[in-house]
Amino acid sequence: MPDGEQRERDRPDTPAPQDAEDAEIPQDPQDPQETEAARRRRRAQFLRELHEAKALRDRVQPRRARAARMRQAMRMRTFRW
């Protein structure tokens, strides 16, 4: 890319694409009209994406993932009840 040129997704004036189910969910978490079901739906979506991102990171960085598993196992062995 030439200097100063931005990718389409990096431009601040382009709106982010929205899924059909995200369209009816209010974006403001302090909105009093947001229902408990909408909050749970947003939280479930977030947790799915987080799990997917962690799984992807573990696949592309197997050495780091193995080291993290070893550290977690060591923490669990030395944990006192």
PDB file of N, CA and C in Angstrom:
ATOM      1  N   MET A   1       0.827  -1.176   0.000  1.00  0.00           N
ATOM      2  CA  MET A   1       0.000   0.000   0.000  1.00  0.00           C
ATOM      3  C   MET A   1       0.874   1.243   0.000  1.00  0.00           C
ATOM      4  N   PRO A   2       0.528   2.249  -0.746  1.00  0.00           N
ATOM      5  CA  PRO A   2       1.283   3.492  -0.721  1.00  0.00           C
ATOM      6  C   PRO A   2       1.165   4.168   0.644  1.00  0.00           C
ATOM      7  N   ASP A   3       2.130   5.038   0.941  1.00  0.00           N
ATOM      8  CA  ASP A   3       2.115   5.744   2.221  1.00  0.00           C
ATOM      9  C   ASP A   3       0.849   6.576   2.366  1.00  0.00           C
ATOM     10  N   GLY A   4       0.288   6.568   3.555  1.00  0.00           N
ATOM     11  CA  GLY A   4      -0.883   7.378   3.835  1.00  0.00           C
ATOM     12  C   GLY A   4      -2.203   6.740   3.450  1.00  0.00           C
ATOM     13  N   GLU A   5      -2.194   5.670   2.687  1.00  0.00           N
ATOM     14  CA  GLU A   5      -3.433   5.021   2.273  1.00  0.00           C
ATOM     15  C   GLU A   5      -3.879   4.074   3.382  1.00  0.00           C
ATOM     16  N   GLN A   6      -5.167   4.049   3.637  1.00  0.00           N
ATOM     17  CA  GLN A   6      -5.709   3.178   4.663  1.00  0.00           C
ATOM     18  C   GLN A   6      -6.526   2.074   4.017  1.00  0.00           C
ATOM     19  N   ARG A   7      -6.554   0.952   4.695  1.00  0.00           N
ATOM     20  CA  ARG A   7      -7.428  -0.118   4.244  1.00  0.00           C
ATOM     21  C   ARG A   7      -8.868   0.274   4.502  1.00  0.00           C
ATOM     22  N   GLU A   8      -9.773  -0.354   3.794  1.00  0.00           N
ATOM     23  CA  GLU A   8     -11.194  -0.032   3.925  1.00  0.00           C
ATOM     24  C   GLU A   8     -11.672  -0.250   5.354  1.00  0.00           C
ATOM     25  N   ARG A   9     -11.208  -1.331   6.000  1.00  0.00           N
ATOM     26  CA  ARG A   9     -11.690  -1.623   7.353  1.00  0.00           C
ATOM     27  C   ARG A   9     -11.089  -0.702   8.403  1.00  0.00           C
ATOM     28  N   ASP A  10      -9.976   0.005   8.078  1.00  0.00           N
ATOM     29  CA  ASP A  10      -9.320   0.883   9.040  1.00  0.00           C
ATOM     30  C   ASP A  10      -9.828   2.316   8.987  1.00  0.00           C
ATOM     31  N   ARG A  11     -10.653   2.620   8.034  1.00  0.00           N
ATOM     32  CA  ARG A  11     -11.148   3.987   7.914  1.00  0.00           C
ATOM     33  C   ARG A  11     -12.224   4.239   8.966  1.00  0.00           C
ATOM     34  N   PRO A  12     -12.122   5.346   9.691  1.00  0.00           N
ATOM     35  CA  PRO A  12     -13.109   5.598  10.749  1.00  0.00           C
ATOM     36  C   PRO A  12     -14.488   5.978  10.231  1.00  0.00           C
ATOM     37  N   ASP A  13     -14.594   6.437   8.970  1.00  0.00           N
ATOM     38  CA  ASP A  13     -15.889   6.884   8.474  1.00  0.00           C
ATOM     39  C   ASP A  13     -16.730   5.746   7.901  1.00  0.00           C
ATOM     40  N   THR A  14     -16.182   4.540   7.784  1.00  0.00           N
ATOM     41  CA  THR A  14     -16.967   3.422   7.276  1.00  0.00           C
ATOM     42  C   THR A  14     -17.655   2.731   8.440  1.00  0.00           C
ATOM     43  N   PRO A  15     -18.970   2.524   8.364  1.00  0.00           N
ATOM     44  CA  PRO A  15     -19.671   1.879   9.469  1.00  0.00           C
ATOM     45  C   PRO A  15     -19.316   0.403   9.544  1.00  0.00           C
ATOM     46  N   ALA A  16     -19.305  -0.122  10.767  1.00  0.00           N
ATOM     47  CA  ALA A  16     -19.015  -1.540  10.965  1.00  0.00           C
ATOM     48  C   ALA A  16     -20.214  -2.362  10.518  1.00  0.00           C
ATOM     49  N   PRO A  17     -19.990  -3.511   9.875  1.00  0.00           N
ATOM     50  CA  PRO A  17     -21.119  -4.345   9.468  1.00  0.00           C
ATOM     51  C   PRO A  17     -21.810  -4.929  10.688  1.00  0.00           C
ATOM     52  N   GLN A  18     -23.134  -5.045  10.624  1.00  0.00           N
ATOM     53  CA  GLN A  18     -23.896  -5.598  11.734  1.00  0.00           C
ATOM     54  C   GLN A  18     -24.673  -6.813  11.257  1.00  0.00           C
ATOM     55  N   ASP A  19     -24.766  -7.782  12.137  1.00  0.00           N
ATOM     56  CA  ASP A  19     -25.598  -8.945  11.851  1.00  0.00           C
ATOM     57  C   ASP A  19     -27.057  -8.575  12.085  1.00  0.00           C
ATOM     58  N   ALA A  20     -27.948  -9.373  11.568  1.00  0.00           N
ATOM     59  CA  ALA A  20     -29.372  -9.099  11.711  1.00  0.00           C
ATOM     60  C   ALA A  20     -29.786  -9.151  13.179  1.00  0.00           C
ATOM     61  N   GLU A  21     -29.225 -10.091  13.960  1.00  0.00           N
ATOM     62  CA  GLU A  21     -29.631 -10.189  15.354  1.00  0.00           C
ATOM     63  C   GLU A  21     -29.033  -9.080  16.206  1.00  0.00           C
ATOM     64  N   ASP A  22     -27.913  -8.478  15.787  1.00  0.00           N
ATOM     65  CA  ASP A  22     -27.310  -7.386  16.537  1.00  0.00           C
ATOM     66  C   ASP A  22     -28.030  -6.068  16.305  1.00  0.00           C
ATOM     67  N   ALA A  23     -28.847  -5.982  15.272  1.00  0.00           N
ATOM     68  CA  ALA A  23     -29.470  -4.719  14.905  1.00  0.00           C
ATOM     69  C   ALA A  23     -30.465  -4.250  15.963  1.00  0.00           C
ATOM     70  N   GLU A  24     -31.191  -5.176  16.620  1.00  0.00           N
ATOM     71  CA  GLU A  24     -32.198  -4.728  17.568  1.00  0.00           C
ATOM     72  C   GLU A  24     -31.645  -4.559  18.982  1.00  0.00           C
ATOM     73  N   ILE A  25     -30.413  -4.929  19.230  1.00  0.00           N
ATOM     74  CA  ILE A  25     -29.830  -4.826  20.562  1.00  0.00           C
ATOM     75  C   ILE A  25     -29.258  -3.425  20.753  1.00  0.00           C
ATOM     76  N   PRO A  26     -29.663  -2.703  21.793  1.00  0.00           N
ATOM     77  CA  PRO A  26     -29.086  -1.376  22.037  1.00  0.00           C
ATOM     78  C   PRO A  26     -27.602  -1.491  22.363  1.00  0.00           C
ATOM     79  N   GLN A  27     -26.809  -0.509  21.923  1.00  0.00           N
ATOM     80  CA  GLN A  27     -25.372  -0.555  22.122  1.00  0.00           C
ATOM     81  C   GLN A  27     -24.951  -0.007  23.487  1.00  0.00           C
ATOM     82  N   ASP A  28     -25.766   0.837  24.115  1.00  0.00           N
ATOM     83  CA  ASP A  28     -25.419   1.440  25.390  1.00  0.00           C
ATOM     84  C   ASP A  28     -25.738   0.474  26.523  1.00  0.00           C
ATOM     85  N   PRO A  29     -24.725   0.005  27.286  1.00  0.00           N
ATOM     86  CA  PRO A  29     -25.008  -0.960  28.349  1.00  0.00           C
ATOM     87  C   PRO A  29     -25.800  -0.339  29.509  1.00  0.00           C
ATOM     88  N   GLN A  30     -25.817   0.993  29.642  1.00  0.00           N
ATOM     89  CA  GLN A  30     -26.557   1.642  30.714  1.00  0.00           C
ATOM     90  C   GLN A  30     -27.985   1.977  30.308  1.00  0.00           C
ATOM     91  N   ASP A  31     -28.390   1.597  29.109  1.00  0.00           N
ATOM     92  CA  ASP A  31     -29.720   1.894  28.600  1.00  0.00           C
ATOM     93  C   ASP A  31     -30.757   1.175  29.455  1.00  0.00           C
ATOM     94  N   PRO A  32     -31.702   1.901  30.057  1.00  0.00           N
ATOM     95  CA  PRO A  32     -32.682   1.244  30.926  1.00  0.00           C
ATOM     96  C   PRO A  32     -33.664   0.369  30.156  1.00  0.00           C
ATOM     97  N   GLN A  33     -33.773   0.567  28.844  1.00  0.00           N
ATOM     98  CA  GLN A  33     -34.703  -0.241  28.059  1.00  0.00           C
ATOM     99  C   GLN A  33     -34.122  -1.596  27.679  1.00  0.00           C
ATOM    100  N   GLU A  34     -32.833  -1.787  27.901  1.00  0.00           N
ATOM    101  CA  GLU A  34     -32.217  -3.071  27.558  1.00  0.00           C
ATOM    102  C   GLU A  34     -32.749  -4.148  28.499  1.00  0.00           C
ATOM    103  N   THR A  35     -33.230  -5.216  27.935  1.00  0.00           N
ATOM    104  CA  THR A  35     -33.806  -6.269  28.756  1.00  0.00           C
ATOM    105  C   THR A  35     -32.710  -7.203  29.258  1.00  0.00           C
ATOM    106  N   GLU A  36     -33.064  -7.960  30.245  1.00  0.00           N
ATOM    107  CA  GLU A  36     -32.134  -8.959  30.790  1.00  0.00           C
ATOM    108  C   GLU A  36     -31.789  -9.997  29.728  1.00  0.00           C
ATOM    109  N   ALA A  37     -32.753 -10.370  28.909  1.00  0.00           N
ATOM    110  CA  ALA A  37     -32.512 -11.343  27.843  1.00  0.00           C
ATOM    111  C   ALA A  37     -31.517 -10.797  26.825  1.00  0.00           C
ATOM    112  N   ALA A  38     -31.623  -9.508  26.491  1.00  0.00           N
ATOM    113  CA  ALA A  38     -30.691  -8.908  25.538  1.00  0.00           C
ATOM    114  C   ALA A  38     -29.282  -8.878  26.122  1.00  0.00           C
ATOM    115  N   ARG A  39     -29.182  -8.580  27.409  1.00  0.00           N
ATOM    116  CA  ARG A  39     -27.874  -8.565  28.063  1.00  0.00           C
ATOM    117  C   ARG A  39     -27.256  -9.968  28.065  1.00  0.00           C
ATOM    118  N   ARG A  40     -28.062 -10.969  28.381  1.00  0.00           N
ATOM    119  CA  ARG A  40     -27.557 -12.347  28.371  1.00  0.00           C
ATOM    120  C   ARG A  40     -27.148 -12.779  26.968  1.00  0.00           C
ATOM    121  N   ARG A  41     -27.920 -12.343  25.960  1.00  0.00           N
ATOM    122  CA  ARG A  41     -27.595 -12.691  24.575  1.00  0.00           C
ATOM    123  C   ARG A  41     -26.262 -12.053  24.167  1.00  0.00           C
ATOM    124  N   ARG A  42     -26.060 -10.781  24.543  1.00  0.00           N
ATOM    125  CA  ARG A  42     -24.784 -10.121  24.225  1.00  0.00           C
ATOM    126  C   ARG A  42     -23.626 -10.799  24.948  1.00  0.00           C
ATOM    127  N   ARG A  43     -23.843 -11.168  26.208  1.00  0.00           N
ATOM    128  CA  ARG A  43     -22.795 -11.820  26.997  1.00  0.00           C
ATOM    129  C   ARG A  43     -22.441 -13.183  26.407  1.00  0.00           C
ATOM    130  N   ALA A  44     -23.450 -13.944  25.999  1.00  0.00           N
ATOM    131  CA  ALA A  44     -23.202 -15.258  25.393  1.00  0.00           C
ATOM    132  C   ALA A  44     -22.420 -15.112  24.095  1.00  0.00           C
ATOM    133  N   GLN A  45     -22.773 -14.107  23.290  1.00  0.00           N
ATOM    134  CA  GLN A  45     -22.047 -13.859  22.040  1.00  0.00           C
ATOM    135  C   GLN A  45     -20.594 -13.509  22.339  1.00  0.00           C
ATOM    136  N   PHE A  46     -20.388 -12.648  23.334  1.00  0.00           N
ATOM    137  CA  PHE A  46     -19.025 -12.263  23.711  1.00  0.00           C
ATOM    138  C   PHE A  46     -18.215 -13.472  24.166  1.00  0.00           C
ATOM    139  N   LEU A  47     -18.804 -14.313  24.998  1.00  0.00           N
ATOM    140  CA  LEU A  47     -18.087 -15.479  25.500  1.00  0.00           C
ATOM    141  C   LEU A  47     -17.778 -16.474  24.387  1.00  0.00           C
ATOM    142  N   ARG A  48     -18.698 -16.633  23.411  1.00  0.00           N
ATOM    143  CA  ARG A  48     -18.418 -17.501  22.264  1.00  0.00           C
ATOM    144  C   ARG A  48     -17.222 -16.984  21.473  1.00  0.00           C
ATOM    145  N   GLU A  49     -17.212 -15.668  21.207  1.00  0.00           N
ATOM    146  CA  GLU A  49     -16.113 -15.088  20.437  1.00  0.00           C
ATOM    147  C   GLU A  49     -14.796 -15.161  21.201  1.00  0.00           C
ATOM    148  N   LEU A  50     -14.858 -14.976  22.522  1.00  0.00           N
ATOM    149  CA  LEU A  50     -13.647 -15.067  23.340  1.00  0.00           C
ATOM    150  C   LEU A  50     -13.078 -16.478  23.304  1.00  0.00           C
ATOM    151  N   HIS A  51     -13.942 -17.474  23.437  1.00  0.00           N
ATOM    152  CA  HIS A  51     -13.496 -18.867  23.391  1.00  0.00           C
ATOM    153  C   HIS A  51     -12.891 -19.196  22.026  1.00  0.00           C
ATOM    154  N   GLU A  52     -13.525 -18.699  20.965  1.00  0.00           N
ATOM    155  CA  GLU A  52     -13.017 -18.932  19.620  1.00  0.00           C
ATOM    156  C   GLU A  52     -11.643 -18.278  19.430  1.00  0.00           C
ATOM    157  N   ALA A  53     -11.474 -17.083  19.959  1.00  0.00           N
ATOM    158  CA  ALA A  53     -10.189 -16.383  19.839  1.00  0.00           C
ATOM    159  C   ALA A  53      -9.097 -17.109  20.613  1.00  0.00           C
ATOM    160  N   LYS A  54      -9.427 -17.607  21.805  1.00  0.00           N
ATOM    161  CA  LYS A  54      -8.427 -18.348  22.585  1.00  0.00           C
ATOM    162  C   LYS A  54      -8.044 -19.651  21.892  1.00  0.00           C
ATOM    163  N   ALA A  55      -9.028 -20.328  21.310  1.00  0.00           N
ATOM    164  CA  ALA A  55      -8.734 -21.563  20.598  1.00  0.00           C
ATOM    165  C   ALA A  55      -7.847 -21.294  19.380  1.00  0.00           C
ATOM    166  N   LEU A  56      -8.122 -20.210  18.673  1.00  0.00           N
ATOM    167  CA  LEU A  56      -7.301 -19.845  17.528  1.00  0.00           C
ATOM    168  C   LEU A  56      -5.871 -19.541  17.963  1.00  0.00           C
ATOM    169  N   ARG A  57      -5.723 -18.786  19.047  1.00  0.00           N
ATOM    170  CA  ARG A  57      -4.385 -18.461  19.547  1.00  0.00           C
ATOM    171  C   ARG A  57      -3.625 -19.732  19.938  1.00  0.00           C
ATOM    172  N   ASP A  58      -4.323 -20.669  20.562  1.00  0.00           N
ATOM    173  CA  ASP A  58      -3.668 -21.919  20.948  1.00  0.00           C
ATOM    174  C   ASP A  58      -3.226 -22.722  19.723  1.00  0.00           C
ATOM    175  N   ARG A  59      -4.011 -22.664  18.645  1.00  0.00           N
ATOM    176  CA  ARG A  59      -3.635 -23.396  17.436  1.00  0.00           C
ATOM    177  C   ARG A  59      -2.434 -22.770  16.736  1.00  0.00           C
ATOM    178  N   VAL A  60      -2.368 -21.447  16.700  1.00  0.00           N
ATOM    179  CA  VAL A  60      -1.289 -20.809  15.951  1.00  0.00           C
ATOM    180  C   VAL A  60      -0.026 -20.619  16.786  1.00  0.00           C
ATOM    181  N   GLN A  61      -0.116 -20.772  18.113  1.00  0.00           N
ATOM    182  CA  GLN A  61       1.062 -20.657  18.974  1.00  0.00           C
ATOM    183  C   GLN A  61       1.116 -21.863  19.919  1.00  0.00           C
ATOM    184  N   PRO A  62       1.393 -23.050  19.389  1.00  0.00           N
ATOM    185  CA  PRO A  62       1.318 -24.249  20.238  1.00  0.00           C
ATOM    186  C   PRO A  62       2.339 -24.255  21.377  1.00  0.00           C
ATOM    187  N   ARG A  63       3.520 -23.685  21.155  1.00  0.00           N
ATOM    188  CA  ARG A  63       4.525 -23.686  22.222  1.00  0.00           C
ATOM    189  C   ARG A  63       4.065 -22.825  23.397  1.00  0.00           C
ATOM    190  N   ARG A  64       3.517 -21.661  23.081  1.00  0.00           N
ATOM    191  CA  ARG A  64       3.028 -20.773  24.142  1.00  0.00           C
ATOM    192  C   ARG A  64       1.841 -21.407  24.868  1.00  0.00           C
ATOM    193  N   ALA A  65       0.966 -22.079  24.120  1.00  0.00           N
ATOM    194  CA  ALA A  65      -0.191 -22.732  24.737  1.00  0.00           C
ATOM    195  C   ALA A  65       0.263 -23.855  25.666  1.00  0.00           C
ATOM    196  N   ARG A  66       1.261 -24.619  25.254  1.00  0.00           N
ATOM    197  CA  ARG A  66       1.766 -25.707  26.098  1.00  0.00           C
ATOM    198  C   ARG A  66       2.393 -25.143  27.366  1.00  0.00           C
ATOM    199  N   ALA A  67       3.169 -24.068  27.239  1.00  0.00           N
ATOM    200  CA  ALA A  67       3.783 -23.445  28.415  1.00  0.00           C
ATOM    201  C   ALA A  67       2.703 -22.921  29.368  1.00  0.00           C
ATOM    202  N   ALA A  68       1.644 -22.350  28.824  1.00  0.00           N
ATOM    203  CA  ALA A  68       0.552 -21.854  29.669  1.00  0.00           C
ATOM    204  C   ALA A  68      -0.136 -23.004  30.397  1.00  0.00           C
ATOM    205  N   ARG A  69      -0.328 -24.145  29.705  1.00  0.00           N
ATOM    206  CA  ARG A  69      -0.920 -25.314  30.368  1.00  0.00           C
ATOM    207  C   ARG A  69      -0.021 -25.813  31.487  1.00  0.00           C
ATOM    208  N   MET A  70       1.292 -25.821  31.247  1.00  0.00           N
ATOM    209  CA  MET A  70       2.229 -26.267  32.290  1.00  0.00           C
ATOM    210  C   MET A  70       2.202 -25.331  33.502  1.00  0.00           C
ATOM    211  N   ARG A  71       2.152 -24.026  33.247  1.00  0.00           N
ATOM    212  CA  ARG A  71       2.083 -23.071  34.369  1.00  0.00           C
ATOM    213  C   ARG A  71       0.793 -23.249  35.157  1.00  0.00           C
ATOM    214  N   GLN A  72      -0.314 -23.460  34.462  1.00  0.00           N
ATOM    215  CA  GLN A  72      -1.592 -23.667  35.138  1.00  0.00           C
ATOM    216  C   GLN A  72      -1.557 -24.951  35.960  1.00  0.00           C
ATOM    217  N   ALA A  73      -0.965 -26.005  35.412  1.00  0.00           N
ATOM    218  CA  ALA A  73      -0.855 -27.266  36.159  1.00  0.00           C
ATOM    219  C   ALA A  73       0.000 -27.077  37.409  1.00  0.00           C
ATOM    220  N   MET A  74       1.071 -26.305  37.300  1.00  0.00           N
ATOM    221  CA  MET A  74       1.927 -26.045  38.454  1.00  0.00           C
ATOM    222  C   MET A  74       1.163 -25.236  39.515  1.00  0.00           C
ATOM    223  N   ARG A  75       0.385 -24.259  39.080  1.00  0.00           N
ATOM    224  CA  ARG A  75      -0.419 -23.485  40.040  1.00  0.00           C
ATOM    225  C   ARG A  75      -1.408 -24.399  40.755  1.00  0.00           C
ATOM    226  N   MET A  76      -2.016 -25.304  40.021  1.00  0.00           N
ATOM    227  CA  MET A  76      -3.002 -26.185  40.640  1.00  0.00           C
ATOM    228  C   MET A  76      -2.348 -27.168  41.612  1.00  0.00           C
ATOM    229  N   ARG A  77      -1.132 -27.607  41.291  1.00  0.00           N
ATOM    230  CA  ARG A  77      -0.451 -28.543  42.207  1.00  0.00           C
ATOM    231  C   ARG A  77      -0.028 -27.865  43.501  1.00  0.00           C
ATOM    232  N   THR A  78       0.309 -26.582  43.431  1.00  0.00           N
ATOM    233  CA  THR A  78       0.804 -25.887  44.618  1.00  0.00           C
ATOM    234  C   THR A  78      -0.289 -25.121  45.347  1.00  0.00           C
ATOM    235  N   PHE A  79      -1.542 -25.209  44.882  1.00  0.00           N
ATOM    236  CA  PHE A  79      -2.631 -24.501  45.508  1.00  0.00           C
ATOM    237  C   PHE A  79      -2.988 -25.169  46.828  1.00  0.00           C
ATOM    238  N   ARG A  80      -3.168 -24.382  47.880  1.00  0.00           N
ATOM    239  CA  ARG A  80      -3.564 -24.938  49.178  1.00  0.00           C
ATOM    240  C   ARG A  80      -5.027 -24.667  49.428  1.00  0.00           C
ATOM    241  N   TRP A  81      -5.755 -25.694  49.837  1.00  0.00           N
ATOM    242  CA  TRP A  81      -7.172 -25.550  50.116  1.00  0.00           C
ATOM    243  C   TRP A  81      -7.317 -24.958  51.441  1.00  0.00           C
TER     244      TRP A  81
END
